[in-house]
Amino acid sequence: MTRHSSEQAAAVERDPRWASVLARDASADGAFVFSVASTGIYCRPSCPARRARPEHVAFHASPEAAERAGFRPCKRCRPDGVGLAEQRAATVAEACRFIERAEEAPSLAALARRAGVSPFHFHRQFKAATGVTPKAYAAAERAKRVREGLAGRSASVTEAIYDAGFNSNGRFYESSDEMLGMTPSDYRAGGAGAVIRHAVAESSLGAILVAASQRGVCAILLGDDSAALARDLRGRFPRAELIGGDRDFQRLVAEVVRFVEQPALGLGLPLDIRGTAFQQRVWRALREIPAGETASYAEIAEAIGAPQAVRAVAGACAANALAVAIPCHRVVRTDGALSGYRWGVERKRALLAKERAG
C-alpha cells in the first residue's frame, strides 16, 4: 500500500460514515452513497456486496454527485432507485390500505402473496413497521368500522356488524365487550345506559378521581382541580350515566388512594382497560416494569417488538387513563430525564420515590 492509499484508508476509517458501511446500516440509506475506485461503481450504505477496501472508498452526498465523479450505480443495491427500507415501508402501507378496504379481514397468506414474500417475512416486516401484527391491525380496523356503524352510518346493530366484516353475529359478540367496553346497543346510544360511578379523594399527589364501570376501574385521574377531573371523565363517557359513588364505592376509592401512597401494597382491583391493540400492548409492557425501576420509550418499543415505534409508544403512554395502575410514570427519556408525564413531572418523581422507598 502506498503512502497516499494508506492516508486515504485512514481518512475513510475515521469518517463516521464508514461505520454505517461496515454495519450495512439501512437507516443510513439516502443520507449518502459511497464509491469504490477499483470497480467504478457506487453503492448504498446497506449494500450486501463484499466490502470494499477503505483505500478505494470515497463518500458522496448523493447519487448525482457520485455519477458526476464518473461512477455508475451498483446493480445489486440500486442506489439510484428506491431503497429496500422504502420498498418495505411502501409494501406495508399498501397492505394497510388493502386491509382497510377489504370487506372481510384478509388472511396472512393472502397479504403475503400480494407483497410477493413469504408469510413469515411479511408478518415480521408488518409488525416491525406498525407495531402490531396484521391480524391485530385487521381487528382494530373492524372495531373502528363497528364503532362508526353504531354511531349512525348503519341502519341497525346487525347491519353495523356485517358492514364491519364480521360474517356472523356470534363472532362479533365473542369480542364485543373488549372491543366496545359495553353492549353494542349502549354504544349505539353513545354510551347512554352505561353507568359509571366516580368519586374524588385527596392524596399527597393532589386530587384523585376514581371511576368504575361494571367491568372494573376505568379511570384514575390525577390533578389539582376536582372540577377539571370531572370534565375529563365526562369527555371520556359523554352519554354515560355518571353517578357519585356510594359508601361501598368510597371503600374502593380508599383502596386506590392507599395504593398510590404505598405502591408496595399492590392494587387487587379489576381494571376496565380500553384502548387500541397497540396501546394495550404498550400498557402490558409498562405493567411488567418492576416498581421503582424505569425504562425508556425506546426500550418499551423494543420490548413489544416495534423498535421504530418510539413516538407511538409515547402516544400510548399519554393516552393512559389509569394513572399508577398502568405505570406510565416508570417511562423516561433515553437520557434518564423525567419528562412527558401527563399528570406532571413532580408527580412522576414523587411516585418513583414512593416505589423506591418500598
Protein backbone atom coordinates (compact mmCIF):
# COMPACT_ATOMS: atom_id res chain seq x y z
CA MET A 1 0.00 0.00 0.00
CA THR A 2 1.41 3.39 -0.99
CA ARG A 3 1.63 6.28 1.41
CA HIS A 4 -1.21 8.01 -0.41
CA SER A 5 -3.51 4.98 -0.25
CA SER A 6 -2.61 4.47 3.41
CA GLU A 7 -3.58 8.04 4.20
CA GLN A 8 -6.80 7.61 2.18
CA ALA A 9 -7.68 4.45 4.11
CA ALA A 10 -7.04 6.15 7.45
CA ALA A 11 -9.22 9.12 6.47
CA VAL A 12 -12.07 6.83 5.43
CA GLU A 13 -11.83 4.76 8.61
CA ARG A 14 -12.06 7.93 10.72
CA ASP A 15 -15.19 9.05 8.87
CA PRO A 16 -18.36 8.08 10.84
CA ARG A 17 -19.99 7.10 7.56
CA TRP A 18 -17.57 4.19 7.26
CA ALA A 19 -19.12 2.61 10.37
CA SER A 20 -22.51 2.69 8.61
CA VAL A 21 -20.98 0.96 5.58
CA LEU A 22 -19.34 -1.72 7.74
CA ALA A 23 -22.67 -2.31 9.54
CA ARG A 24 -24.63 -2.23 6.26
CA ASP A 25 -26.92 0.20 8.07
CA ALA A 26 -30.16 0.58 6.09
CA SER A 27 -31.14 3.60 8.18
CA ALA A 28 -28.23 5.48 6.54
CA ASP A 29 -29.59 4.85 3.04
CA GLY A 30 -30.45 8.18 1.46
CA ALA A 31 -28.02 10.12 3.64
CA PHE A 32 -25.03 9.40 1.38
CA VAL A 33 -23.56 6.90 -1.09
CA PHE A 34 -20.02 5.58 -1.38
CA SER A 35 -17.96 4.83 -4.45
CA VAL A 36 -15.32 2.15 -4.97
CA ALA A 37 -12.44 3.20 -7.22
CA SER A 38 -11.37 -0.38 -8.01
CA THR A 39 -14.77 -1.28 -9.51
CA GLY A 40 -16.02 2.09 -10.76
CA ILE A 41 -19.38 1.72 -9.03
CA TYR A 42 -21.17 3.48 -6.18
CA CYS A 43 -23.44 1.87 -3.57
CA ARG A 44 -25.86 2.43 -0.73
CA PRO A 45 -24.51 2.06 2.84
CA SER A 46 -26.62 -1.11 3.16
CA CYS A 47 -25.27 -2.78 0.02
CA PRO A 48 -24.86 -6.52 0.69
CA ALA A 49 -21.94 -6.87 -1.73
CA ARG A 50 -18.46 -7.75 -0.50
CA ARG A 51 -16.97 -4.89 1.49
CA ALA A 52 -14.50 -2.69 -0.36
CA ARG A 53 -11.04 -1.84 0.93
CA PRO A 54 -11.15 1.58 2.64
CA GLU A 55 -8.32 2.97 0.48
CA HIS A 56 -10.60 2.54 -2.56
CA VAL A 57 -13.63 4.23 -0.99
CA ALA A 58 -14.94 7.78 -1.30
CA PHE A 59 -18.18 9.25 0.05
CA HIS A 60 -20.69 11.32 -1.94
CA ALA A 61 -23.68 13.33 -0.77
CA SER A 62 -25.98 11.94 -3.46
CA PRO A 63 -26.15 9.51 -6.41
CA GLU A 64 -25.91 12.51 -8.76
CA ALA A 65 -22.63 13.58 -7.12
CA ALA A 66 -21.20 10.07 -7.49
CA GLU A 67 -22.19 9.93 -11.17
CA ARG A 68 -20.66 13.35 -11.82
CA ALA A 69 -17.43 11.88 -10.41
CA GLY A 70 -17.61 9.15 -13.05
CA PHE A 71 -19.10 6.22 -11.10
CA ARG A 72 -22.02 4.05 -12.20
CA PRO A 73 -24.77 2.65 -9.88
CA CYS A 74 -24.37 -0.80 -8.34
CA LYS A 75 -26.74 -3.29 -9.96
CA ARG A 76 -27.16 -5.13 -6.67
CA CYS A 77 -28.29 -2.39 -4.28
CA ARG A 78 -29.51 0.05 -6.98
CA PRO A 79 -28.55 3.27 -5.16
CA ASP A 80 -30.19 5.39 -7.85
CA GLY A 81 -33.64 3.88 -7.11
CA VAL A 82 -35.94 3.29 -4.16
CA GLY A 83 -34.15 1.69 -1.21
CA LEU A 84 -35.05 -1.56 0.49
CA ALA A 85 -36.34 0.21 3.60
CA GLU A 86 -38.54 2.46 1.47
CA GLN A 87 -39.78 -0.54 -0.52
CA ARG A 88 -40.73 -2.38 2.68
CA ALA A 89 -42.48 0.70 4.08
CA ALA A 90 -44.43 1.10 0.84
CA THR A 91 -45.37 -2.60 0.88
CA VAL A 92 -46.68 -2.38 4.44
CA ALA A 93 -48.54 0.85 3.69
CA GLU A 94 -50.23 -0.77 0.69
CA ALA A 95 -51.15 -3.79 2.84
CA CYS A 96 -52.73 -1.48 5.43
CA ARG A 97 -54.83 0.18 2.74
CA PHE A 98 -55.85 -3.26 1.41
CA ILE A 99 -56.91 -4.38 4.90
CA GLU A 100 -58.90 -1.18 5.36
CA ARG A 101 -60.71 -1.63 2.02
CA ALA A 102 -61.38 -5.37 2.34
CA GLU A 103 -64.93 -6.44 3.20
CA GLU A 104 -63.55 -9.25 5.40
CA ALA A 105 -60.20 -9.48 7.16
CA PRO A 106 -57.71 -10.95 4.63
CA SER A 107 -55.59 -13.92 5.68
CA LEU A 108 -51.85 -13.65 6.34
CA ALA A 109 -51.23 -15.88 3.31
CA ALA A 110 -53.27 -13.59 1.05
CA LEU A 111 -51.44 -10.49 2.26
CA ALA A 112 -48.05 -12.17 1.79
CA ARG A 113 -48.94 -13.21 -1.77
CA ARG A 114 -49.83 -9.60 -2.62
CA ALA A 115 -46.49 -8.46 -1.18
CA GLY A 116 -44.55 -11.18 -3.03
CA VAL A 117 -42.87 -12.56 0.10
CA SER A 118 -43.37 -15.50 2.43
CA PRO A 119 -45.98 -15.23 5.23
CA PHE A 120 -43.17 -15.36 7.81
CA HIS A 121 -41.27 -12.43 6.28
CA PHE A 122 -44.43 -10.39 5.68
CA HIS A 123 -45.57 -10.90 9.28
CA ARG A 124 -42.16 -9.75 10.57
CA GLN A 125 -41.99 -6.71 8.27
CA PHE A 126 -45.56 -5.64 9.05
CA LYS A 127 -45.05 -5.87 12.81
CA ALA A 128 -41.72 -4.01 12.64
CA ALA A 129 -43.32 -1.15 10.69
CA THR A 130 -46.66 -0.82 12.53
CA GLY A 131 -46.02 -2.28 15.96
CA VAL A 132 -48.89 -4.76 15.63
CA THR A 133 -49.50 -7.97 13.71
CA PRO A 134 -51.59 -7.99 10.51
CA LYS A 135 -54.32 -9.83 12.44
CA ALA A 136 -54.38 -7.18 15.19
CA TYR A 137 -54.41 -4.39 12.59
CA ALA A 138 -57.37 -6.00 10.84
CA ALA A 139 -59.18 -6.46 14.16
CA ALA A 140 -58.63 -2.80 15.04
CA GLU A 141 -59.94 -1.76 11.62
CA ARG A 142 -63.07 -3.88 12.06
CA ALA A 143 -63.56 -2.42 15.54
CA LYS A 144 -63.31 1.07 14.02
CA ARG A 145 -65.92 0.17 11.40
CA VAL A 146 -68.26 -1.20 14.05
CA ARG A 147 -67.95 1.97 16.12
CA GLU A 148 -68.59 4.13 13.05
CA GLY A 149 -71.58 1.98 12.08
CA LEU A 150 -73.07 2.05 15.55
CA ALA A 151 -72.56 5.81 15.66
CA GLY A 152 -75.07 6.19 12.85
CA ARG A 153 -73.75 5.00 9.49
CA SER A 154 -75.66 1.73 9.63
CA ALA A 155 -79.39 1.26 9.99
CA SER A 156 -79.14 -1.35 12.76
CA VAL A 157 -76.72 -3.10 15.08
CA THR A 158 -76.81 -6.20 12.85
CA GLU A 159 -76.04 -4.15 9.75
CA ALA A 160 -73.12 -2.46 11.52
CA ILE A 161 -71.70 -5.87 12.45
CA TYR A 162 -71.85 -7.22 8.89
CA ASP A 163 -70.67 -3.94 7.35
CA ALA A 164 -67.55 -4.18 9.52
CA GLY A 165 -66.62 -7.55 8.01
CA PHE A 166 -67.93 -9.98 10.62
CA ASN A 167 -69.61 -12.89 8.84
CA SER A 168 -71.75 -13.80 11.84
CA ASN A 169 -73.24 -12.12 14.89
CA GLY A 170 -71.70 -14.81 17.08
CA ARG A 171 -68.12 -14.00 16.09
CA PHE A 172 -68.70 -10.32 16.83
CA TYR A 173 -70.34 -10.83 20.21
CA GLU A 174 -67.42 -13.04 21.31
CA SER A 175 -65.23 -9.92 21.33
CA SER A 176 -67.76 -7.08 21.56
CA ASP A 177 -67.26 -6.36 25.25
CA GLU A 178 -63.50 -5.94 24.87
CA MET A 179 -63.94 -4.03 21.61
CA LEU A 180 -66.56 -1.53 22.78
CA GLY A 181 -66.45 -1.67 26.58
CA MET A 182 -70.25 -2.00 26.65
CA THR A 183 -73.07 -3.64 24.73
CA PRO A 184 -73.45 -2.65 21.05
CA SER A 185 -76.87 -1.13 21.81
CA ASP A 186 -75.40 1.03 24.57
CA TYR A 187 -72.55 2.09 22.31
CA ARG A 188 -75.01 2.98 19.55
CA ALA A 189 -76.68 5.28 22.05
CA GLY A 190 -73.35 6.97 22.68
CA GLY A 191 -72.82 5.25 25.99
CA ALA A 192 -76.31 6.01 27.20
CA GLY A 193 -77.29 3.30 29.64
CA ALA A 194 -73.74 2.64 30.78
CA VAL A 195 -73.32 3.53 34.43
CA ILE A 196 -70.02 4.97 35.60
CA ARG A 197 -69.59 5.53 39.33
CA HIS A 198 -66.98 8.04 40.41
CA ALA A 199 -65.63 10.00 43.35
CA VAL A 200 -62.76 12.36 44.10
CA ALA A 201 -60.39 11.95 47.03
CA GLU A 202 -57.31 13.79 48.25
CA SER A 203 -53.79 12.39 48.49
CA SER A 204 -50.22 13.57 48.81
CA LEU A 205 -50.25 13.94 44.99
CA GLY A 206 -53.32 16.17 44.97
CA ALA A 207 -56.81 15.25 43.86
CA ILE A 208 -57.54 11.73 42.59
CA LEU A 209 -60.67 10.91 40.62
CA VAL A 210 -61.53 7.23 40.57
CA ALA A 211 -64.22 5.90 38.22
CA ALA A 212 -65.50 2.38 37.68
CA SER A 213 -67.81 0.65 35.23
CA GLN A 214 -69.42 -2.74 35.73
CA ARG A 215 -66.19 -4.29 34.39
CA GLY A 216 -63.82 -2.59 36.81
CA VAL A 217 -61.89 0.62 37.46
CA CYS A 218 -61.91 2.53 34.17
CA ALA A 219 -60.20 5.77 35.18
CA ILE A 220 -57.72 7.02 37.77
CA LEU A 221 -57.07 10.68 37.07
CA LEU A 222 -54.67 12.97 38.96
CA GLY A 223 -54.75 16.75 39.22
CA ASP A 224 -55.20 19.84 41.32
CA ASP A 225 -58.74 20.75 40.28
CA SER A 226 -61.53 18.24 41.00
CA ALA A 227 -63.87 20.07 38.60
CA ALA A 228 -61.33 19.68 35.77
CA LEU A 229 -61.01 15.98 36.55
CA ALA A 230 -64.80 15.61 36.38
CA ARG A 231 -64.84 17.34 32.99
CA ASP A 232 -62.13 14.97 31.78
CA LEU A 233 -64.24 11.99 32.85
CA ARG A 234 -67.34 13.41 31.14
CA GLY A 235 -65.34 13.83 27.93
CA ARG A 236 -64.42 10.14 28.03
CA PHE A 237 -68.01 8.97 28.60
CA PRO A 238 -70.13 11.72 27.01
CA ARG A 239 -73.51 9.95 27.23
CA ALA A 240 -72.98 7.51 30.03
CA GLU A 241 -74.78 7.96 33.30
CA LEU A 242 -72.20 9.33 35.72
CA ILE A 243 -73.21 8.93 39.33
CA GLY A 244 -71.46 9.66 42.59
CA GLY A 245 -70.09 6.72 44.48
CA ASP A 246 -71.92 5.28 47.49
CA ARG A 247 -70.33 4.06 50.71
CA ASP A 248 -69.14 0.82 49.12
CA PHE A 249 -67.56 2.78 46.29
CA GLN A 250 -65.80 5.06 48.75
CA ARG A 251 -64.05 1.98 50.10
CA LEU A 252 -62.85 1.22 46.57
CA VAL A 253 -61.56 4.79 46.25
CA ALA A 254 -59.78 4.45 49.58
CA GLU A 255 -58.05 1.32 48.31
CA VAL A 256 -56.80 3.21 45.24
CA VAL A 257 -55.52 6.07 47.39
CA ARG A 258 -53.78 3.59 49.70
CA PHE A 259 -52.12 2.02 46.65
CA VAL A 260 -50.92 5.44 45.45
CA GLU A 261 -49.46 6.26 48.86
CA GLN A 262 -47.95 2.78 49.37
CA PRO A 263 -47.32 1.17 45.97
CA ALA A 264 -45.74 -1.91 47.57
CA LEU A 265 -49.23 -2.93 48.76
CA GLY A 266 -50.34 -3.55 45.17
CA LEU A 267 -53.82 -3.00 43.75
CA GLY A 268 -56.09 -6.02 43.78
CA LEU A 269 -58.98 -4.44 41.89
CA PRO A 270 -60.29 -5.43 38.43
CA LEU A 271 -59.46 -2.91 35.73
CA ASP A 272 -61.55 -1.90 32.73
CA ILE A 273 -58.73 -1.20 30.27
CA ARG A 274 -59.85 0.29 26.95
CA GLY A 275 -57.54 1.10 24.06
CA THR A 276 -56.33 0.10 20.63
CA ALA A 277 -54.42 -3.14 20.09
CA PHE A 278 -51.14 -1.20 20.05
CA GLN A 279 -51.97 0.76 23.20
CA GLN A 280 -52.88 -2.44 25.03
CA ARG A 281 -49.51 -3.97 24.12
CA VAL A 282 -47.67 -0.89 25.40
CA TRP A 283 -49.68 -0.83 28.61
CA ARG A 284 -48.97 -4.52 29.24
CA ALA A 285 -45.26 -3.81 28.82
CA LEU A 286 -45.48 -0.93 31.31
CA ARG A 287 -47.01 -3.20 33.92
CA GLU A 288 -44.02 -5.52 33.57
CA ILE A 289 -41.54 -2.82 34.66
CA PRO A 290 -40.67 -3.55 38.30
CA ALA A 291 -41.83 -0.96 40.84
CA GLY A 292 -39.23 1.73 41.40
CA GLU A 293 -37.40 0.99 38.17
CA THR A 294 -37.66 2.82 34.86
CA ALA A 295 -37.41 2.09 31.15
CA SER A 296 -37.03 4.40 28.18
CA TYR A 297 -39.60 4.82 25.43
CA ALA A 298 -37.12 3.14 23.08
CA GLU A 299 -36.78 0.16 25.43
CA ILE A 300 -40.56 -0.25 25.59
CA ALA A 301 -40.74 -0.10 21.79
CA GLU A 302 -38.07 -2.80 21.63
CA ALA A 303 -39.89 -4.91 24.24
CA ILE A 304 -43.10 -5.00 22.21
CA GLY A 305 -41.24 -5.87 19.01
CA ALA A 306 -41.66 -2.47 17.36
CA PRO A 307 -38.29 -0.69 17.76
CA GLN A 308 -39.21 2.04 15.29
CA ALA A 309 -42.44 2.96 17.09
CA VAL A 310 -40.93 5.14 19.84
CA ARG A 311 -43.27 8.07 19.17
CA ALA A 312 -46.29 5.77 19.11
CA VAL A 313 -45.19 4.36 22.48
CA ALA A 314 -45.07 7.90 23.87
CA GLY A 315 -48.55 8.49 22.48
CA ALA A 316 -49.87 5.34 24.15
CA CYS A 317 -48.40 6.48 27.47
CA ALA A 318 -50.11 9.86 27.08
CA ALA A 319 -53.45 8.15 26.34
CA ASN A 320 -53.36 6.12 29.57
CA ALA A 321 -56.38 6.90 31.77
CA LEU A 322 -55.37 4.63 34.65
CA ALA A 323 -52.64 6.55 36.44
CA VAL A 324 -50.36 4.45 38.65
CA ALA A 325 -52.32 1.23 37.91
CA ILE A 326 -50.80 1.34 34.42
CA PRO A 327 -47.43 2.81 35.45
CA CYS A 328 -46.54 5.19 32.66
CA HIS A 329 -44.64 7.16 35.33
CA ARG A 330 -41.91 4.49 35.03
CA VAL A 331 -41.09 5.52 31.44
CA VAL A 332 -38.31 8.07 30.98
CA ARG A 333 -36.30 9.60 28.17
CA THR A 334 -33.26 7.79 26.82
CA ASP A 335 -31.00 10.05 28.90
CA GLY A 336 -32.97 9.18 32.04
CA ALA A 337 -34.71 12.55 32.31
CA LEU A 338 -38.23 12.64 33.76
CA SER A 339 -40.48 14.27 31.20
CA GLY A 340 -43.68 13.82 29.27
CA TYR A 341 -45.88 12.77 32.18
CA ARG A 342 -49.49 13.67 31.63
CA TRP A 343 -50.06 14.49 35.30
CA GLY A 344 -46.87 16.48 35.83
CA VAL A 345 -43.18 15.72 36.27
CA GLU A 346 -43.29 16.37 40.03
CA ARG A 347 -45.95 13.70 40.49
CA LYS A 348 -43.85 11.35 38.38
CA ARG A 349 -40.83 11.99 40.59
CA ALA A 350 -42.90 11.52 43.75
CA LEU A 351 -44.38 8.21 42.54
CA LEU A 352 -40.95 6.79 41.71
CA ALA A 353 -39.64 7.92 45.12
CA LYS A 354 -42.55 6.17 46.88
CA GLU A 355 -41.87 2.97 44.95
CA ARG A 356 -38.16 3.06 45.65
CA ALA A 357 -38.79 3.63 49.35
CA GLY A 358 -40.70 0.33 49.39
